[in-house]
């Protein structure tokens, strides 16, 4: 697990990168945990959780807090559906972010605010498997035509994968 001090150090190195998109040194970003793309090209990445929905959420929230990232909200979509008379499986949306990093995208294209702060979905599929899913930041960059923030998108990708790995088990 990457600790808060490592995230802060990486963040400051990112924030000092010029707006011309100069790249970080390859060794500045730790190896990223493996994740899979969804079968369709919809910009969604996911990993299997080794835990039930509640434990997965607890682990993700603990990792978010340990990294010093701001947690904004948790939305129980299953409860919202139930309140509307619709039955769905467990589905909880976590919303979090790091304003110094996220605002780098907003300054490049204000409409990227549709994708910030970060959203991570924890759901249980029809087979009983718990998944953690989030948007591929490269997909977000292309969607909003942001071409001068590659190091920042690399940082967002690394941090989200690291958070998701908190529930992958050993």
C-alpha atoms as a PDB file:
ATOM      1  CA  UNK A   1       0.000   0.000   0.000  1.00  0.00           C
ATOM      2  CA  UNK A   2       1.306   3.442  -0.882  1.00  0.00           C
ATOM      3  CA  UNK A   3       1.412   5.694   2.164  1.00  0.00           C
ATOM      4  CA  UNK A   4       0.185   9.254   2.456  1.00  0.00           C
ATOM      5  CA  UNK A   5       3.714  10.696   2.412  1.00  0.00           C
ATOM      6  CA  UNK A   6       4.471   8.916  -0.878  1.00  0.00           C
ATOM      7  CA  UNK A   7       1.235  10.243  -2.420  1.00  0.00           C
ATOM      8  CA  UNK A   8       2.020  13.779  -1.240  1.00  0.00           C
ATOM      9  CA  UNK A   9       5.562  13.586  -2.642  1.00  0.00           C
ATOM     10  CA  UNK A  10       4.269  12.318  -5.977  1.00  0.00           C
ATOM     11  CA  UNK A  11       1.516  14.917  -6.021  1.00  0.00           C
ATOM     12  CA  UNK A  12       3.945  17.765  -5.444  1.00  0.00           C
ATOM     13  CA  UNK A  13       6.189  16.461  -8.209  1.00  0.00           C
ATOM     14  CA  UNK A  14       3.139  16.385 -10.489  1.00  0.00           C
ATOM     15  CA  UNK A  15       2.039  19.857  -9.553  1.00  0.00           C
ATOM     16  CA  UNK A  16       5.485  21.175 -10.364  1.00  0.00           C
ATOM     17  CA  UNK A  17       5.269  19.700 -13.867  1.00  0.00           C
ATOM     18  CA  UNK A  18       4.827  22.413 -16.424  1.00  0.00           C
ATOM     19  CA  UNK A  19       1.544  22.787 -18.258  1.00  0.00           C
ATOM     20  CA  UNK A  20       3.361  21.678 -21.400  1.00  0.00           C
ATOM     21  CA  UNK A  21       2.904  18.089 -20.250  1.00  0.00           C
ATOM     22  CA  UNK A  22       6.473  17.186 -19.363  1.00  0.00           C
ATOM     23  CA  UNK A  23       6.579  13.563 -18.272  1.00  0.00           C
ATOM     24  CA  UNK A  24       7.543  12.255 -14.850  1.00  0.00           C
ATOM     25  CA  UNK A  25      10.548  10.037 -14.482  1.00  0.00           C
ATOM     26  CA  UNK A  26       9.476   6.419 -14.916  1.00  0.00           C
ATOM     27  CA  UNK A  27      10.598   5.501 -11.393  1.00  0.00           C
ATOM     28  CA  UNK A  28       8.502   8.282  -9.813  1.00  0.00           C
ATOM     29  CA  UNK A  29       5.288   6.278 -10.151  1.00  0.00           C
ATOM     30  CA  UNK A  30       5.128   2.921  -8.346  1.00  0.00           C
ATOM     31  CA  UNK A  31       4.057  -0.205 -10.214  1.00  0.00           C
ATOM     32  CA  UNK A  32       0.300  -0.228 -10.671  1.00  0.00           C
ATOM     33  CA  UNK A  33      -1.791  -3.170  -9.481  1.00  0.00           C
ATOM     34  CA  UNK A  34      -3.433  -5.200 -12.244  1.00  0.00           C
ATOM     35  CA  UNK A  35      -7.004  -4.446 -13.242  1.00  0.00           C
ATOM     36  CA  UNK A  36      -9.135  -5.402 -16.196  1.00  0.00           C
ATOM     37  CA  UNK A  37     -11.011  -3.438 -18.793  1.00  0.00           C
ATOM     38  CA  UNK A  38     -14.657  -4.237 -19.264  1.00  0.00           C
ATOM     39  CA  UNK A  39     -15.408  -6.354 -22.373  1.00  0.00           C
ATOM     40  CA  UNK A  40     -16.817  -3.292 -24.163  1.00  0.00           C
ATOM     41  CA  UNK A  41     -14.809  -0.159 -24.818  1.00  0.00           C
ATOM     42  CA  UNK A  42     -16.775   2.004 -22.396  1.00  0.00           C
ATOM     43  CA  UNK A  43     -13.873   3.303 -20.355  1.00  0.00           C
ATOM     44  CA  UNK A  44     -14.647   1.204 -17.268  1.00  0.00           C
ATOM     45  CA  UNK A  45     -11.919  -0.624 -15.350  1.00  0.00           C
ATOM     46  CA  UNK A  46     -12.580  -3.179 -12.636  1.00  0.00           C
ATOM     47  CA  UNK A  47     -11.038  -5.603 -10.169  1.00  0.00           C
ATOM     48  CA  UNK A  48     -12.562  -8.478  -8.245  1.00  0.00           C
ATOM     49  CA  UNK A  49     -12.819  -7.967  -4.529  1.00  0.00           C
ATOM     50  CA  UNK A  50     -11.831 -10.752  -2.167  1.00  0.00           C
ATOM     51  CA  UNK A  51     -14.457  -9.551   0.321  1.00  0.00           C
ATOM     52  CA  UNK A  52     -18.183  -8.960   0.659  1.00  0.00           C
ATOM     53  CA  UNK A  53     -19.642  -5.555  -0.231  1.00  0.00           C
ATOM     54  CA  UNK A  54     -19.461  -4.081   3.286  1.00  0.00           C
ATOM     55  CA  UNK A  55     -15.879  -5.207   3.918  1.00  0.00           C
ATOM     56  CA  UNK A  56     -14.843  -4.004   0.467  1.00  0.00           C
ATOM     57  CA  UNK A  57     -16.291  -0.559   1.175  1.00  0.00           C
ATOM     58  CA  UNK A  58     -14.600  -0.452   4.586  1.00  0.00           C
ATOM     59  CA  UNK A  59     -11.241  -1.340   3.081  1.00  0.00           C
ATOM     60  CA  UNK A  60     -11.560   1.204   0.266  1.00  0.00           C
ATOM     61  CA  UNK A  61     -12.585   3.979   2.656  1.00  0.00           C
ATOM     62  CA  UNK A  62      -9.727   3.117   5.019  1.00  0.00           C
ATOM     63  CA  UNK A  63      -7.231   3.257   2.142  1.00  0.00           C
ATOM     64  CA  UNK A  64      -8.669   6.560   0.907  1.00  0.00           C
ATOM     65  CA  UNK A  65      -8.274   8.001   4.423  1.00  0.00           C
ATOM     66  CA  UNK A  66      -4.746   6.572   4.823  1.00  0.00           C
ATOM     67  CA  UNK A  67      -3.724   8.314   1.606  1.00  0.00           C
ATOM     68  CA  UNK A  68      -5.062  11.633   2.862  1.00  0.00           C
ATOM     69  CA  UNK A  69      -7.632  11.795   0.070  1.00  0.00           C
ATOM     70  CA  UNK A  70     -10.874  13.634   0.721  1.00  0.00           C
ATOM     71  CA  UNK A  71     -13.934  11.360   0.979  1.00  0.00           C
ATOM     72  CA  UNK A  72     -17.062  13.161  -0.197  1.00  0.00           C
ATOM     73  CA  UNK A  73     -19.967  10.714  -0.127  1.00  0.00           C
ATOM     74  CA  UNK A  74     -21.277   7.172  -0.275  1.00  0.00           C
ATOM     75  CA  UNK A  75     -24.484   6.475  -2.199  1.00  0.00           C
ATOM     76  CA  UNK A  76     -26.363   3.238  -1.631  1.00  0.00           C
ATOM     77  CA  UNK A  77     -27.877   2.673  -5.057  1.00  0.00           C
ATOM     78  CA  UNK A  78     -29.628  -0.516  -3.964  1.00  0.00           C
ATOM     79  CA  UNK A  79     -31.501   1.485  -1.317  1.00  0.00           C
ATOM     80  CA  UNK A  80     -32.400   4.198  -3.826  1.00  0.00           C
ATOM     81  CA  UNK A  81     -33.753   1.548  -6.189  1.00  0.00           C
ATOM     82  CA  UNK A  82     -35.704  -0.107  -3.386  1.00  0.00           C
ATOM     83  CA  UNK A  83     -37.239   3.250  -2.431  1.00  0.00           C
ATOM     84  CA  UNK A  84     -38.396   3.534  -6.058  1.00  0.00           C
ATOM     85  CA  UNK A  85     -39.861   0.021  -6.043  1.00  0.00           C
ATOM     86  CA  UNK A  86     -37.070  -1.453  -8.174  1.00  0.00           C
ATOM     87  CA  UNK A  87     -34.986  -4.446  -7.138  1.00  0.00           C
ATOM     88  CA  UNK A  88     -31.252  -4.453  -7.884  1.00  0.00           C
ATOM     89  CA  UNK A  89     -28.299  -6.145  -6.270  1.00  0.00           C
ATOM     90  CA  UNK A  90     -25.936  -4.418  -3.854  1.00  0.00           C
ATOM     91  CA  UNK A  91     -24.407  -1.347  -5.495  1.00  0.00           C
ATOM     92  CA  UNK A  92     -22.649   1.459  -3.630  1.00  0.00           C
ATOM     93  CA  UNK A  93     -20.999   4.482  -5.217  1.00  0.00           C
ATOM     94  CA  UNK A  94     -18.047   6.038  -3.375  1.00  0.00           C
ATOM     95  CA  UNK A  95     -17.084   9.613  -4.269  1.00  0.00           C
ATOM     96  CA  UNK A  96     -13.655  10.944  -3.324  1.00  0.00           C
ATOM     97  CA  UNK A  97     -10.799  12.992  -4.653  1.00  0.00           C
ATOM     98  CA  UNK A  98      -7.772  15.161  -4.147  1.00  0.00           C
ATOM     99  CA  UNK A  99      -8.657  18.758  -5.095  1.00  0.00           C
ATOM    100  CA  UNK A 100      -5.053  19.785  -5.965  1.00  0.00           C
ATOM    101  CA  UNK A 101      -4.948  16.937  -8.489  1.00  0.00           C
ATOM    102  CA  UNK A 102      -8.571  16.992  -9.694  1.00  0.00           C
ATOM    103  CA  UNK A 103      -8.577  20.705 -10.364  1.00  0.00           C
ATOM    104  CA  UNK A 104      -5.720  20.148 -12.834  1.00  0.00           C
ATOM    105  CA  UNK A 105      -8.317  18.525 -15.091  1.00  0.00           C
ATOM    106  CA  UNK A 106     -10.919  21.207 -14.480  1.00  0.00           C
ATOM    107  CA  UNK A 107      -8.426  23.895 -15.426  1.00  0.00           C
ATOM    108  CA  UNK A 108      -7.787  22.083 -18.722  1.00  0.00           C
ATOM    109  CA  UNK A 109     -11.490  21.663 -19.548  1.00  0.00           C
ATOM    110  CA  UNK A 110     -14.235  22.755 -17.134  1.00  0.00           C
ATOM    111  CA  UNK A 111     -16.624  20.124 -18.547  1.00  0.00           C
ATOM    112  CA  UNK A 112     -14.339  17.455 -17.112  1.00  0.00           C
ATOM    113  CA  UNK A 113     -16.131  18.320 -13.877  1.00  0.00           C
ATOM    114  CA  UNK A 114     -18.694  15.763 -15.039  1.00  0.00           C
ATOM    115  CA  UNK A 115     -16.088  13.116 -14.172  1.00  0.00           C
ATOM    116  CA  UNK A 116     -14.563  14.690 -11.036  1.00  0.00           C
ATOM    117  CA  UNK A 117     -14.354  13.957  -8.224  1.00  0.00           C
ATOM    118  CA  UNK A 118     -13.517  10.287  -8.671  1.00  0.00           C
ATOM    119  CA  UNK A 119     -16.323   7.751  -8.444  1.00  0.00           C
ATOM    120  CA  UNK A 120     -15.685   4.136  -7.527  1.00  0.00           C
ATOM    121  CA  UNK A 121     -18.508   1.617  -7.665  1.00  0.00           C
ATOM    122  CA  UNK A 122     -18.712  -1.463  -5.453  1.00  0.00           C
ATOM    123  CA  UNK A 123     -21.268  -3.964  -6.689  1.00  0.00           C
ATOM    124  CA  UNK A 124     -22.245  -7.596  -6.373  1.00  0.00           C
ATOM    125  CA  UNK A 125     -23.048  -9.271  -9.695  1.00  0.00           C
ATOM    126  CA  UNK A 126     -25.639 -11.971 -10.403  1.00  0.00           C
ATOM    127  CA  UNK A 127     -23.015 -14.664  -9.690  1.00  0.00           C
ATOM    128  CA  UNK A 128     -22.289 -13.261  -6.230  1.00  0.00           C
ATOM    129  CA  UNK A 129     -18.905 -11.794  -7.180  1.00  0.00           C
ATOM    130  CA  UNK A 130     -18.093  -8.380  -5.698  1.00  0.00           C
ATOM    131  CA  UNK A 131     -16.439  -5.937  -8.108  1.00  0.00           C
ATOM    132  CA  UNK A 132     -14.791  -2.556  -7.768  1.00  0.00           C
ATOM    133  CA  UNK A 133     -15.178  -0.424 -10.890  1.00  0.00           C
ATOM    134  CA  UNK A 134     -14.077   3.064 -11.906  1.00  0.00           C
ATOM    135  CA  UNK A 135     -13.547   5.150 -15.026  1.00  0.00           C
ATOM    136  CA  UNK A 136     -10.344   4.740 -16.995  1.00  0.00           C
ATOM    137  CA  UNK A 137      -8.593   8.097 -16.720  1.00  0.00           C
ATOM    138  CA  UNK A 138      -7.158   7.786 -20.236  1.00  0.00           C
ATOM    139  CA  UNK A 139     -10.742   7.438 -21.450  1.00  0.00           C
ATOM    140  CA  UNK A 140     -11.682  10.562 -19.465  1.00  0.00           C
ATOM    141  CA  UNK A 141      -8.763  12.483 -21.004  1.00  0.00           C
ATOM    142  CA  UNK A 142      -9.909  11.532 -24.501  1.00  0.00           C
ATOM    143  CA  UNK A 143     -13.549  12.263 -23.698  1.00  0.00           C
ATOM    144  CA  UNK A 144     -12.695  15.816 -22.642  1.00  0.00           C
ATOM    145  CA  UNK A 145      -9.903  16.336 -25.219  1.00  0.00           C
ATOM    146  CA  UNK A 146      -7.315  16.993 -22.517  1.00  0.00           C
ATOM    147  CA  UNK A 147      -3.893  16.471 -24.042  1.00  0.00           C
ATOM    148  CA  UNK A 148      -1.591  18.407 -21.729  1.00  0.00           C
ATOM    149  CA  UNK A 149      -2.070  16.639 -18.378  1.00  0.00           C
ATOM    150  CA  UNK A 150      -0.575  13.174 -18.978  1.00  0.00           C
ATOM    151  CA  UNK A 151       1.404  13.070 -15.698  1.00  0.00           C
ATOM    152  CA  UNK A 152      -1.695  14.079 -13.747  1.00  0.00           C
ATOM    153  CA  UNK A 153      -3.799  11.402 -15.456  1.00  0.00           C
ATOM    154  CA  UNK A 154      -1.031   8.867 -14.747  1.00  0.00           C
ATOM    155  CA  UNK A 155      -1.153   9.862 -11.077  1.00  0.00           C
ATOM    156  CA  UNK A 156      -4.960   9.531 -10.949  1.00  0.00           C
ATOM    157  CA  UNK A 157      -4.716   6.116 -12.612  1.00  0.00           C
ATOM    158  CA  UNK A 158      -2.078   4.899 -10.163  1.00  0.00           C
ATOM    159  CA  UNK A 159      -3.948   6.177  -7.107  1.00  0.00           C
ATOM    160  CA  UNK A 160      -7.315   4.688  -8.140  1.00  0.00           C
ATOM    161  CA  UNK A 161      -5.740   1.293  -8.891  1.00  0.00           C
ATOM    162  CA  UNK A 162      -3.909   1.421  -5.579  1.00  0.00           C
ATOM    163  CA  UNK A 163      -7.141   2.177  -3.703  1.00  0.00           C
ATOM    164  CA  UNK A 164      -8.971  -0.639  -5.493  1.00  0.00           C
ATOM    165  CA  UNK A 165      -6.165  -3.050  -4.631  1.00  0.00           C
ATOM    166  CA  UNK A 166      -6.988  -2.572  -0.938  1.00  0.00           C
ATOM    167  CA  UNK A 167      -9.832  -5.060  -1.426  1.00  0.00           C
ATOM    168  CA  UNK A 168      -8.138  -7.576  -3.736  1.00  0.00           C
ATOM    169  CA  UNK A 169      -6.873  -9.703  -0.877  1.00  0.00           C
ATOM    170  CA  UNK A 170      -3.490 -11.348  -0.706  1.00  0.00           C
END
